[in-house]
């Protein structure tokens, strides 16, 4: 695709700030929700701080050559819950969060060393376009249910799903129109304009609903503003609580954390490959070759360790960030750096976090329909390099799509292999088996 801003381009300062905010809006909801799901008083603001720090480390390791933002990983939800299992104290659980991220990050470091020695050709053979293309599509399609679920969801219990859908549609169409027909400035910030339009519509419905005592029209929740105690507040960093639990660490607990995190790290490694293949196809540069897979792995792994030290959540490359690059044509790494710095600053600003929390689910659903759709389409775009008249390729693509869309998952104790990982693993195995069969037939 044609990029408006390339990797090394630097937009003007004013534009850079706006572009950075757009990146933050694209990744922020998911980044903030992970600690909310885990509970145990984990701080969403600290997770946002950790994502910002992790992203800066990733940019440093990748020599400012990869326009990707790191955010809280959903793949480790089960692992993070395991840190608090068995009635352990909250302080020890926080120790587990940091130890787990350390184990997962070390897996990346070890693989990076192997890649540095052996190169990436084996990766390309193991995961060619016929495997990566449909897997990237599955990443987007697997999130479709989340987008549609949010699309009709009100932030207040009595809000009408139809009113929510109207606000979601306003967000969706304003985003699409700005991206397709807007001049350069509007074309580069369609998500900000779309979210503002959806938020304004929800606010208008809320005012009308309040004036007429019609709760069905009240789909936006402003309680996050009323709960504010101060404008600036220091996030509850994970390591501060973890320091109180270091005396409770046992060998058995360390073993439990290792068993919960290490297998998932290998699964997320596969998704790391898929995400970087995807962004490579968007920017027209193979990031596995330059800056190199070893560097992207180190950036992701070390960034995840440091991010969890502050926020408790292991980080991972975000498809929403990649989709934002694809939709806007803005691949400037300077934008990613500005977004990371913005995340760090915003984590201390309670009103901004409250503003993001007040954005109705239906508005984010409208945005995510385009974000997740673009992830899926990016994968489908790779199909142009695949000969689907060949049965081998047809079978590989088929099993990946059906396993992913069908929601095939495998639970092994506290470890859950997601549908994306299952589809990818099954696709790799199918491709290897049929490749060997093809060679035997030729002989």
Protein backbone atom coordinates (compact mmCIF):
# COMPACT_ATOMS: atom_id res chain seq x y z
CA UNK A 1 0.00 0.00 0.00
CA UNK A 2 1.02 3.64 -0.48
CA UNK A 3 2.24 5.17 2.78
CA UNK A 4 1.66 8.86 3.53
CA UNK A 5 4.40 8.77 6.17
CA UNK A 6 7.19 6.20 5.95
CA UNK A 7 9.02 4.58 8.85
CA UNK A 8 11.64 7.29 9.21
CA UNK A 9 9.41 10.26 8.36
CA UNK A 10 8.74 12.79 11.13
CA UNK A 11 5.41 14.65 10.97
CA UNK A 12 5.23 18.24 12.20
CA UNK A 13 4.96 18.55 15.98
CA UNK A 14 1.26 19.44 16.06
CA UNK A 15 0.38 16.59 13.69
CA UNK A 16 2.61 14.22 15.64
CA UNK A 17 0.66 14.85 18.85
CA UNK A 18 -2.67 14.20 17.13
CA UNK A 19 -1.37 11.05 15.42
CA UNK A 20 -0.02 9.80 18.75
CA UNK A 21 -3.38 10.32 20.44
CA UNK A 22 -5.01 8.30 17.67
CA UNK A 23 -2.60 5.42 18.24
CA UNK A 24 -3.34 5.61 21.96
CA UNK A 25 -7.09 5.51 21.39
CA UNK A 26 -6.64 2.47 19.17
CA UNK A 27 -4.76 0.47 21.81
CA UNK A 28 -5.87 2.01 25.08
CA UNK A 29 -9.17 0.24 25.69
CA UNK A 30 -7.62 -3.23 25.41
CA UNK A 31 -4.55 -2.24 27.41
CA UNK A 32 -6.66 -0.89 30.27
CA UNK A 33 -9.13 -3.77 30.38
CA UNK A 34 -6.60 -6.56 31.09
CA UNK A 35 -5.83 -5.45 34.67
CA UNK A 36 -9.57 -4.86 35.18
CA UNK A 37 -10.28 -8.48 34.21
CA UNK A 38 -7.59 -9.84 36.57
CA UNK A 39 -8.77 -7.65 39.46
CA UNK A 40 -6.80 -7.86 42.74
CA UNK A 41 -6.52 -4.07 42.72
CA UNK A 42 -4.31 -4.07 39.63
CA UNK A 43 -3.97 -0.54 38.27
CA UNK A 44 -5.05 0.19 34.66
CA UNK A 45 -2.98 3.39 34.80
CA UNK A 46 0.11 1.37 35.78
CA UNK A 47 -0.57 -1.03 32.88
CA UNK A 48 -0.71 1.96 30.52
CA UNK A 49 2.60 3.22 31.94
CA UNK A 50 4.10 -0.25 31.45
CA UNK A 51 2.88 -0.35 27.85
CA UNK A 52 4.53 3.00 27.16
CA UNK A 53 7.85 1.97 28.69
CA UNK A 54 7.72 -1.41 26.95
CA UNK A 55 7.09 0.23 23.59
CA UNK A 56 10.04 2.60 23.99
CA UNK A 57 12.29 -0.38 24.75
CA UNK A 58 10.93 -2.20 21.69
CA UNK A 59 11.64 0.84 19.49
CA UNK A 60 15.18 1.03 20.91
CA UNK A 61 15.92 -2.66 20.21
CA UNK A 62 14.48 -2.46 16.70
CA UNK A 63 16.59 0.59 15.81
CA UNK A 64 13.50 2.77 15.24
CA UNK A 65 12.56 0.61 12.24
CA UNK A 66 9.29 -1.08 13.31
CA UNK A 67 6.08 0.98 13.75
CA UNK A 68 4.42 -1.23 16.36
CA UNK A 69 2.97 -0.40 19.79
CA UNK A 70 3.12 -2.92 22.64
CA UNK A 71 0.13 -3.31 24.95
CA UNK A 72 -1.22 -5.63 27.65
CA UNK A 73 -1.41 -9.21 26.36
CA UNK A 74 -4.71 -11.11 26.60
CA UNK A 75 -2.89 -14.38 25.98
CA UNK A 76 -1.48 -14.31 29.52
CA UNK A 77 -4.82 -13.80 31.30
CA UNK A 78 -4.86 -17.39 32.56
CA UNK A 79 -1.22 -17.17 33.59
CA UNK A 80 -1.79 -13.92 35.48
CA UNK A 81 -4.77 -15.43 37.30
CA UNK A 82 -2.56 -18.37 38.30
CA UNK A 83 -0.27 -15.94 40.13
CA UNK A 84 -3.09 -15.31 42.62
CA UNK A 85 -4.41 -18.90 42.80
CA UNK A 86 -4.28 -20.99 45.95
CA UNK A 87 -5.13 -18.21 48.36
CA UNK A 88 -1.74 -16.49 48.17
CA UNK A 89 -1.46 -12.93 49.48
CA UNK A 90 -1.89 -10.05 47.07
CA UNK A 91 1.75 -9.07 47.58
CA UNK A 92 2.98 -12.53 46.60
CA UNK A 93 0.60 -12.51 43.63
CA UNK A 94 2.23 -9.30 42.43
CA UNK A 95 5.62 -10.98 42.79
CA UNK A 96 4.22 -13.75 40.59
CA UNK A 97 3.19 -11.23 37.93
CA UNK A 98 6.74 -9.90 37.70
CA UNK A 99 8.35 -13.35 37.82
CA UNK A 100 5.97 -14.62 35.14
CA UNK A 101 6.79 -11.78 32.78
CA UNK A 102 10.48 -12.44 33.45
CA UNK A 103 10.08 -16.13 32.49
CA UNK A 104 8.10 -15.24 29.35
CA UNK A 105 10.61 -12.58 28.37
CA UNK A 106 13.51 -14.99 28.83
CA UNK A 107 11.82 -17.39 26.39
CA UNK A 108 11.93 -14.58 23.82
CA UNK A 109 15.57 -13.86 24.64
CA UNK A 110 16.55 -17.53 24.17
CA UNK A 111 14.67 -17.74 20.85
CA UNK A 112 16.28 -14.46 19.76
CA UNK A 113 19.74 -15.93 20.40
CA UNK A 114 18.83 -19.02 18.37
CA UNK A 115 17.53 -16.85 15.53
CA UNK A 116 20.68 -14.73 15.64
CA UNK A 117 22.78 -17.86 15.19
CA UNK A 118 20.56 -19.81 12.78
CA UNK A 119 18.99 -16.93 10.82
CA UNK A 120 15.32 -16.58 9.78
CA UNK A 121 15.16 -18.83 6.73
CA UNK A 122 13.82 -21.67 8.87
CA UNK A 123 11.04 -19.36 10.06
CA UNK A 124 10.06 -18.58 6.47
CA UNK A 125 10.04 -22.28 5.64
CA UNK A 126 8.06 -23.14 8.75
CA UNK A 127 5.61 -20.26 8.28
CA UNK A 128 5.35 -19.35 4.57
CA UNK A 129 2.64 -17.05 3.18
CA UNK A 130 0.19 -19.95 2.91
CA UNK A 131 0.37 -20.32 6.71
CA UNK A 132 0.82 -16.69 7.79
CA UNK A 133 -1.83 -15.18 5.47
CA UNK A 134 -4.85 -17.04 6.84
CA UNK A 135 -3.44 -16.83 10.39
CA UNK A 136 -3.31 -13.03 10.21
CA UNK A 137 -6.86 -13.09 8.85
CA UNK A 138 -7.89 -15.23 11.83
CA UNK A 139 -6.37 -12.70 14.26
CA UNK A 140 -8.84 -10.15 12.94
CA UNK A 141 -11.78 -12.53 12.53
CA UNK A 142 -11.34 -13.97 16.03
CA UNK A 143 -11.92 -10.47 17.40
CA UNK A 144 -15.07 -9.93 15.35
CA UNK A 145 -17.31 -11.15 18.18
CA UNK A 146 -15.77 -8.60 20.56
CA UNK A 147 -16.39 -5.75 18.10
CA UNK A 148 -20.01 -6.74 17.45
CA UNK A 149 -20.64 -7.37 21.14
CA UNK A 150 -19.47 -3.85 21.94
CA UNK A 151 -21.33 -2.41 18.94
CA UNK A 152 -24.71 -2.83 20.64
CA UNK A 153 -23.55 -2.44 24.25
CA UNK A 154 -24.58 0.45 26.46
CA UNK A 155 -22.32 1.63 29.26
CA UNK A 156 -25.36 1.91 31.56
CA UNK A 157 -27.58 -1.10 32.39
CA UNK A 158 -30.88 0.42 31.17
CA UNK A 159 -29.48 1.88 27.96
CA UNK A 160 -31.09 0.67 24.74
CA UNK A 161 -28.95 -1.55 22.49
CA UNK A 162 -30.59 0.13 19.49
CA UNK A 163 -29.49 3.58 20.63
CA UNK A 164 -26.03 2.12 21.23
CA UNK A 165 -26.05 0.71 17.70
CA UNK A 166 -26.95 4.12 16.26
CA UNK A 167 -23.93 5.67 18.01
CA UNK A 168 -21.77 2.77 16.84
CA UNK A 169 -22.94 3.28 13.25
CA UNK A 170 -22.24 7.02 13.44
CA UNK A 171 -18.71 6.22 14.64
CA UNK A 172 -18.21 3.60 11.93
CA UNK A 173 -19.43 5.71 9.01
CA UNK A 174 -17.67 8.91 10.09
CA UNK A 175 -14.43 6.89 10.40
CA UNK A 176 -14.88 5.32 6.96
CA UNK A 177 -15.83 8.59 5.26
CA UNK A 178 -12.88 10.47 6.77
CA UNK A 179 -10.47 7.69 5.77
CA UNK A 180 -11.85 7.35 2.23
CA UNK A 181 -12.73 10.92 1.24
CA UNK A 182 -11.07 13.20 3.79
CA UNK A 183 -8.22 15.50 2.84
CA UNK A 184 -4.74 14.68 4.14
CA UNK A 185 -5.33 15.79 7.74
CA UNK A 186 -8.71 14.06 8.11
CA UNK A 187 -7.47 10.99 6.26
CA UNK A 188 -4.72 10.56 8.82
CA UNK A 189 -6.93 10.81 11.92
CA UNK A 190 -10.19 9.01 10.99
CA UNK A 191 -10.40 7.20 14.34
CA UNK A 192 -10.20 10.39 16.39
CA UNK A 193 -12.93 12.03 14.28
CA UNK A 194 -15.06 8.89 14.41
CA UNK A 195 -14.75 8.52 18.18
CA UNK A 196 -15.52 12.21 18.73
CA UNK A 197 -18.62 11.92 16.52
CA UNK A 198 -19.83 8.80 18.33
CA UNK A 199 -19.11 10.31 21.74
CA UNK A 200 -20.99 13.50 20.81
CA UNK A 201 -23.99 11.48 19.61
CA UNK A 202 -24.03 9.43 22.83
CA UNK A 203 -23.83 12.64 24.88
CA UNK A 204 -26.76 14.17 22.98
CA UNK A 205 -28.84 11.05 23.61
CA UNK A 206 -27.85 11.22 27.28
CA UNK A 207 -28.96 14.84 27.62
CA UNK A 208 -32.29 14.10 25.92
CA UNK A 209 -32.76 11.00 28.08
CA UNK A 210 -32.02 12.94 31.27
CA UNK A 211 -34.42 15.76 30.31
CA UNK A 212 -37.24 13.34 29.47
CA UNK A 213 -36.44 10.81 32.20
CA UNK A 214 -35.89 8.16 29.51
CA UNK A 215 -33.16 5.79 30.71
CA UNK A 216 -33.13 3.93 27.39
CA UNK A 217 -31.39 6.93 25.80
CA UNK A 218 -28.73 7.11 28.52
CA UNK A 219 -25.98 4.89 27.12
CA UNK A 220 -22.91 6.80 28.34
CA UNK A 221 -21.51 6.53 31.87
CA UNK A 222 -19.85 9.63 33.32
CA UNK A 223 -19.19 8.10 36.77
CA UNK A 224 -15.45 7.84 36.05
CA UNK A 225 -15.32 11.66 36.27
CA UNK A 226 -17.21 11.89 39.55
CA UNK A 227 -14.79 9.38 41.11
CA UNK A 228 -11.80 11.64 40.46
CA UNK A 229 -9.92 12.74 43.58
CA UNK A 230 -7.15 14.68 41.90
CA UNK A 231 -5.90 15.74 38.48
CA UNK A 232 -2.47 14.14 38.89
CA UNK A 233 -1.92 10.84 40.67
CA UNK A 234 0.91 8.31 40.71
CA UNK A 235 -0.18 4.89 39.43
CA UNK A 236 -0.03 1.93 41.82
CA UNK A 237 3.06 0.33 40.31
CA UNK A 238 3.24 -3.45 40.62
CA UNK A 239 6.77 -3.59 42.01
CA UNK A 240 5.82 -1.44 45.01
CA UNK A 241 3.32 -4.04 46.22
CA UNK A 242 5.56 -6.93 45.13
CA UNK A 243 8.36 -5.73 47.44
CA UNK A 244 6.14 -6.62 50.40
CA UNK A 245 5.76 -10.22 49.20
CA UNK A 246 9.34 -11.18 48.44
CA UNK A 247 9.69 -12.94 51.81
CA UNK A 248 6.83 -15.31 50.91
CA UNK A 249 8.46 -16.72 47.77
CA UNK A 250 8.91 -20.51 47.70
CA UNK A 251 10.38 -22.88 45.17
CA UNK A 252 6.96 -24.44 44.60
CA UNK A 253 5.42 -21.05 43.83
CA UNK A 254 8.20 -20.20 41.37
CA UNK A 255 7.60 -23.55 39.65
CA UNK A 256 3.88 -22.82 39.43
CA UNK A 257 4.52 -19.43 37.82
CA UNK A 258 7.03 -20.89 35.37
CA UNK A 259 4.56 -23.60 34.33
CA UNK A 260 1.84 -20.99 33.84
CA UNK A 261 3.85 -18.49 31.78
CA UNK A 262 6.52 -20.32 29.75
CA UNK A 263 4.21 -22.41 27.51
CA UNK A 264 2.11 -19.34 26.71
CA UNK A 265 5.27 -17.45 25.73
CA UNK A 266 5.85 -19.95 22.92
CA UNK A 267 2.27 -19.42 21.74
CA UNK A 268 2.68 -15.63 21.77
CA UNK A 269 5.97 -16.06 19.87
CA UNK A 270 3.96 -17.51 16.98
CA UNK A 271 1.62 -14.52 17.09
CA UNK A 272 4.68 -12.24 17.19
CA UNK A 273 5.78 -13.73 13.87
CA UNK A 274 2.31 -13.29 12.36
CA UNK A 275 2.06 -9.66 13.49
CA UNK A 276 5.48 -8.77 12.08
CA UNK A 277 4.76 -10.56 8.80
CA UNK A 278 1.56 -8.53 8.65
CA UNK A 279 3.14 -5.13 9.31
CA UNK A 280 5.93 -6.07 6.88
CA UNK A 281 3.38 -6.56 4.09
CA UNK A 282 1.79 -3.20 4.95
CA UNK A 283 4.99 -1.13 4.93
CA UNK A 284 6.65 -3.08 2.13
CA UNK A 285 9.70 -4.06 4.16
CA UNK A 286 10.56 -7.42 5.71
CA UNK A 287 11.10 -6.65 9.40
CA UNK A 288 12.28 -10.22 10.03
CA UNK A 289 15.30 -9.36 7.91
CA UNK A 290 15.77 -5.70 8.89
CA UNK A 291 16.04 -4.90 11.77
CA UNK A 292 15.80 -8.68 12.15
CA UNK A 293 13.65 -11.14 14.08
CA UNK A 294 16.23 -11.38 16.84
CA UNK A 295 15.86 -7.65 17.50
CA UNK A 296 12.05 -7.65 17.38
CA UNK A 297 12.00 -10.59 19.80
CA UNK A 298 14.42 -8.92 22.18
CA UNK A 299 12.44 -5.70 22.03
CA UNK A 300 9.17 -7.54 22.68
CA UNK A 301 10.63 -9.74 25.42
CA UNK A 302 12.59 -7.11 27.34
CA UNK A 303 9.79 -4.59 26.84
CA UNK A 304 7.35 -7.10 28.29
CA UNK A 305 9.55 -7.73 31.35
CA UNK A 306 10.00 -4.03 32.12
CA UNK A 307 6.35 -3.26 31.38
CA UNK A 308 5.15 -5.93 33.81
CA UNK A 309 7.58 -4.66 36.47
CA UNK A 310 5.56 -1.44 36.50
CA UNK A 311 2.12 -2.55 35.37
CA UNK A 312 1.94 -6.30 36.04
CA UNK A 313 0.86 -7.16 32.48
CA UNK A 314 3.20 -8.81 29.96
CA UNK A 315 3.15 -6.79 26.74
CA UNK A 316 2.74 -7.94 23.19
CA UNK A 317 2.56 -6.41 19.71
CA UNK A 318 -0.93 -5.01 19.13
CA UNK A 319 -2.95 -5.77 16.02
CA UNK A 320 -4.95 -2.60 16.66
CA UNK A 321 -1.75 -0.58 16.28
CA UNK A 322 -0.86 -2.38 13.05
CA UNK A 323 -4.38 -1.84 11.70
CA UNK A 324 -4.11 1.85 12.55
CA UNK A 325 -0.97 2.03 10.38
CA UNK A 326 -2.78 0.20 7.57
CA UNK A 327 -5.88 2.42 7.63
CA UNK A 328 -4.08 5.78 7.91
CA UNK A 329 -0.96 5.05 5.87
CA UNK A 330 1.10 6.51 8.70
CA UNK A 331 4.02 4.17 9.46
CA UNK A 332 6.12 6.83 11.18
CA UNK A 333 8.01 5.34 14.12
CA UNK A 334 8.12 8.87 15.53
CA UNK A 335 4.34 8.55 15.98
CA UNK A 336 4.83 5.32 17.94
CA UNK A 337 7.46 6.97 20.15
CA UNK A 338 5.16 9.95 20.77
CA UNK A 339 2.30 7.58 21.60
CA UNK A 340 4.51 5.69 24.07
CA UNK A 341 5.58 8.91 25.77
CA UNK A 342 1.94 9.99 25.77
CA UNK A 343 0.93 6.75 27.47
CA UNK A 344 3.48 7.36 30.22
CA UNK A 345 2.32 10.95 30.76
CA UNK A 346 -1.40 10.11 30.59
CA UNK A 347 -1.02 7.35 33.19
CA UNK A 348 -0.43 10.16 35.72
CA UNK A 349 -3.38 12.27 34.48
CA UNK A 350 -6.57 10.97 36.07
CA UNK A 351 -8.99 13.09 33.95
CA UNK A 352 -7.65 11.69 30.67
CA UNK A 353 -7.89 8.09 31.91
CA UNK A 354 -11.43 8.90 33.09
CA UNK A 355 -12.27 10.33 29.65
CA UNK A 356 -11.11 7.16 27.92
CA UNK A 357 -13.03 5.02 30.42
CA UNK A 358 -16.18 7.03 29.68
CA UNK A 359 -16.11 6.31 25.94
CA UNK A 360 -19.16 4.07 25.38
CA UNK A 361 -18.50 0.47 24.36
CA UNK A 362 -20.65 0.96 21.25
CA UNK A 363 -18.39 3.79 20.05
CA UNK A 364 -15.27 1.63 20.46
CA UNK A 365 -17.19 -1.19 18.77
CA UNK A 366 -17.71 1.01 15.72
CA UNK A 367 -13.99 1.80 15.59
CA UNK A 368 -12.99 -1.81 16.18
CA UNK A 369 -15.13 -3.02 13.28
CA UNK A 370 -12.69 -1.21 11.01
CA UNK A 371 -9.55 -2.01 13.02
CA UNK A 372 -10.24 -5.74 13.30
CA UNK A 373 -11.53 -5.83 9.74
CA UNK A 374 -8.30 -4.35 8.45
CA UNK A 375 -6.29 -6.97 10.34
CA UNK A 376 -8.33 -9.67 8.61
CA UNK A 377 -8.03 -8.00 5.21
CA UNK A 378 -4.25 -7.64 5.66
CA UNK A 379 -4.09 -11.42 5.97
CA UNK A 380 -6.36 -11.94 2.97
CA UNK A 381 -4.12 -9.61 0.96
CA UNK A 382 -1.32 -12.15 1.39
CA UNK A 383 -3.47 -14.68 -0.52
CA UNK A 384 -2.41 -13.09 -3.81
CA UNK A 385 0.93 -14.87 -3.35
CA UNK A 386 -0.76 -18.23 -2.77
CA UNK A 387 -1.74 -20.66 -5.53
CA UNK A 388 -5.10 -21.96 -4.31
CA UNK A 389 -5.43 -24.21 -7.36
CA UNK A 390 -2.89 -26.44 -5.61
CA UNK A 391 -4.61 -28.84 -3.20
CA UNK A 392 -1.80 -28.62 -0.64
CA UNK A 393 -2.28 -24.88 -0.25
CA UNK A 394 -6.04 -25.24 -0.26
CA UNK A 395 -5.93 -27.71 2.64
CA UNK A 396 -3.51 -25.57 4.68
CA UNK A 397 -5.66 -22.46 4.31
CA UNK A 398 -8.83 -24.45 4.98
CA UNK A 399 -7.73 -25.97 8.29
CA UNK A 400 -6.42 -22.62 9.55
CA UNK A 401 -9.61 -20.75 8.71
CA UNK A 402 -11.96 -23.39 10.08
CA UNK A 403 -9.96 -23.99 13.26
CA UNK A 404 -9.67 -20.26 13.90
CA UNK A 405 -13.22 -19.23 13.04
CA UNK A 406 -14.60 -22.32 14.75
CA UNK A 407 -12.82 -21.32 17.95
CA UNK A 408 -10.62 -24.38 18.50
CA UNK A 409 -8.83 -23.99 21.84
CA UNK A 410 -6.88 -26.42 24.01
CA UNK A 411 -6.67 -26.15 27.80
CA UNK A 412 -3.71 -27.78 29.52
CA UNK A 413 -4.14 -27.12 33.21
CA UNK A 414 -3.70 -23.40 33.73
CA UNK A 415 -2.49 -22.88 30.16
CA UNK A 416 -4.97 -22.19 27.36
CA UNK A 417 -3.83 -22.29 23.75
CA UNK A 418 -5.95 -19.70 21.95
CA UNK A 419 -7.82 -20.28 18.70
CA UNK A 420 -5.25 -18.21 16.79
CA UNK A 421 -2.37 -20.28 18.17
CA UNK A 422 -4.23 -23.57 17.58
CA UNK A 423 -5.02 -22.56 14.00
CA UNK A 424 -1.41 -21.56 13.38
CA UNK A 425 0.03 -24.74 14.89
CA UNK A 426 -2.41 -26.91 12.92
CA UNK A 427 -1.57 -24.99 9.74
CA UNK A 428 2.18 -25.46 10.28
CA UNK A 429 1.74 -29.20 10.83
CA UNK A 430 -0.53 -29.55 7.79
CA UNK A 431 1.91 -27.64 5.60
CA UNK A 432 4.85 -29.79 6.75
CA UNK A 433 2.97 -33.07 6.31
CA UNK A 434 1.70 -32.22 2.84
CA UNK A 435 5.07 -30.81 1.79
CA UNK A 436 6.73 -34.13 2.66
CA UNK A 437 3.96 -36.05 0.90
CA UNK A 438 4.44 -33.94 -2.20
CA UNK A 439 8.18 -34.66 -2.28
CA UNK A 440 7.58 -38.42 -2.00
CA UNK A 441 5.10 -38.31 -4.91
CA UNK A 442 7.61 -36.42 -7.08
CA UNK A 443 10.28 -39.01 -6.36
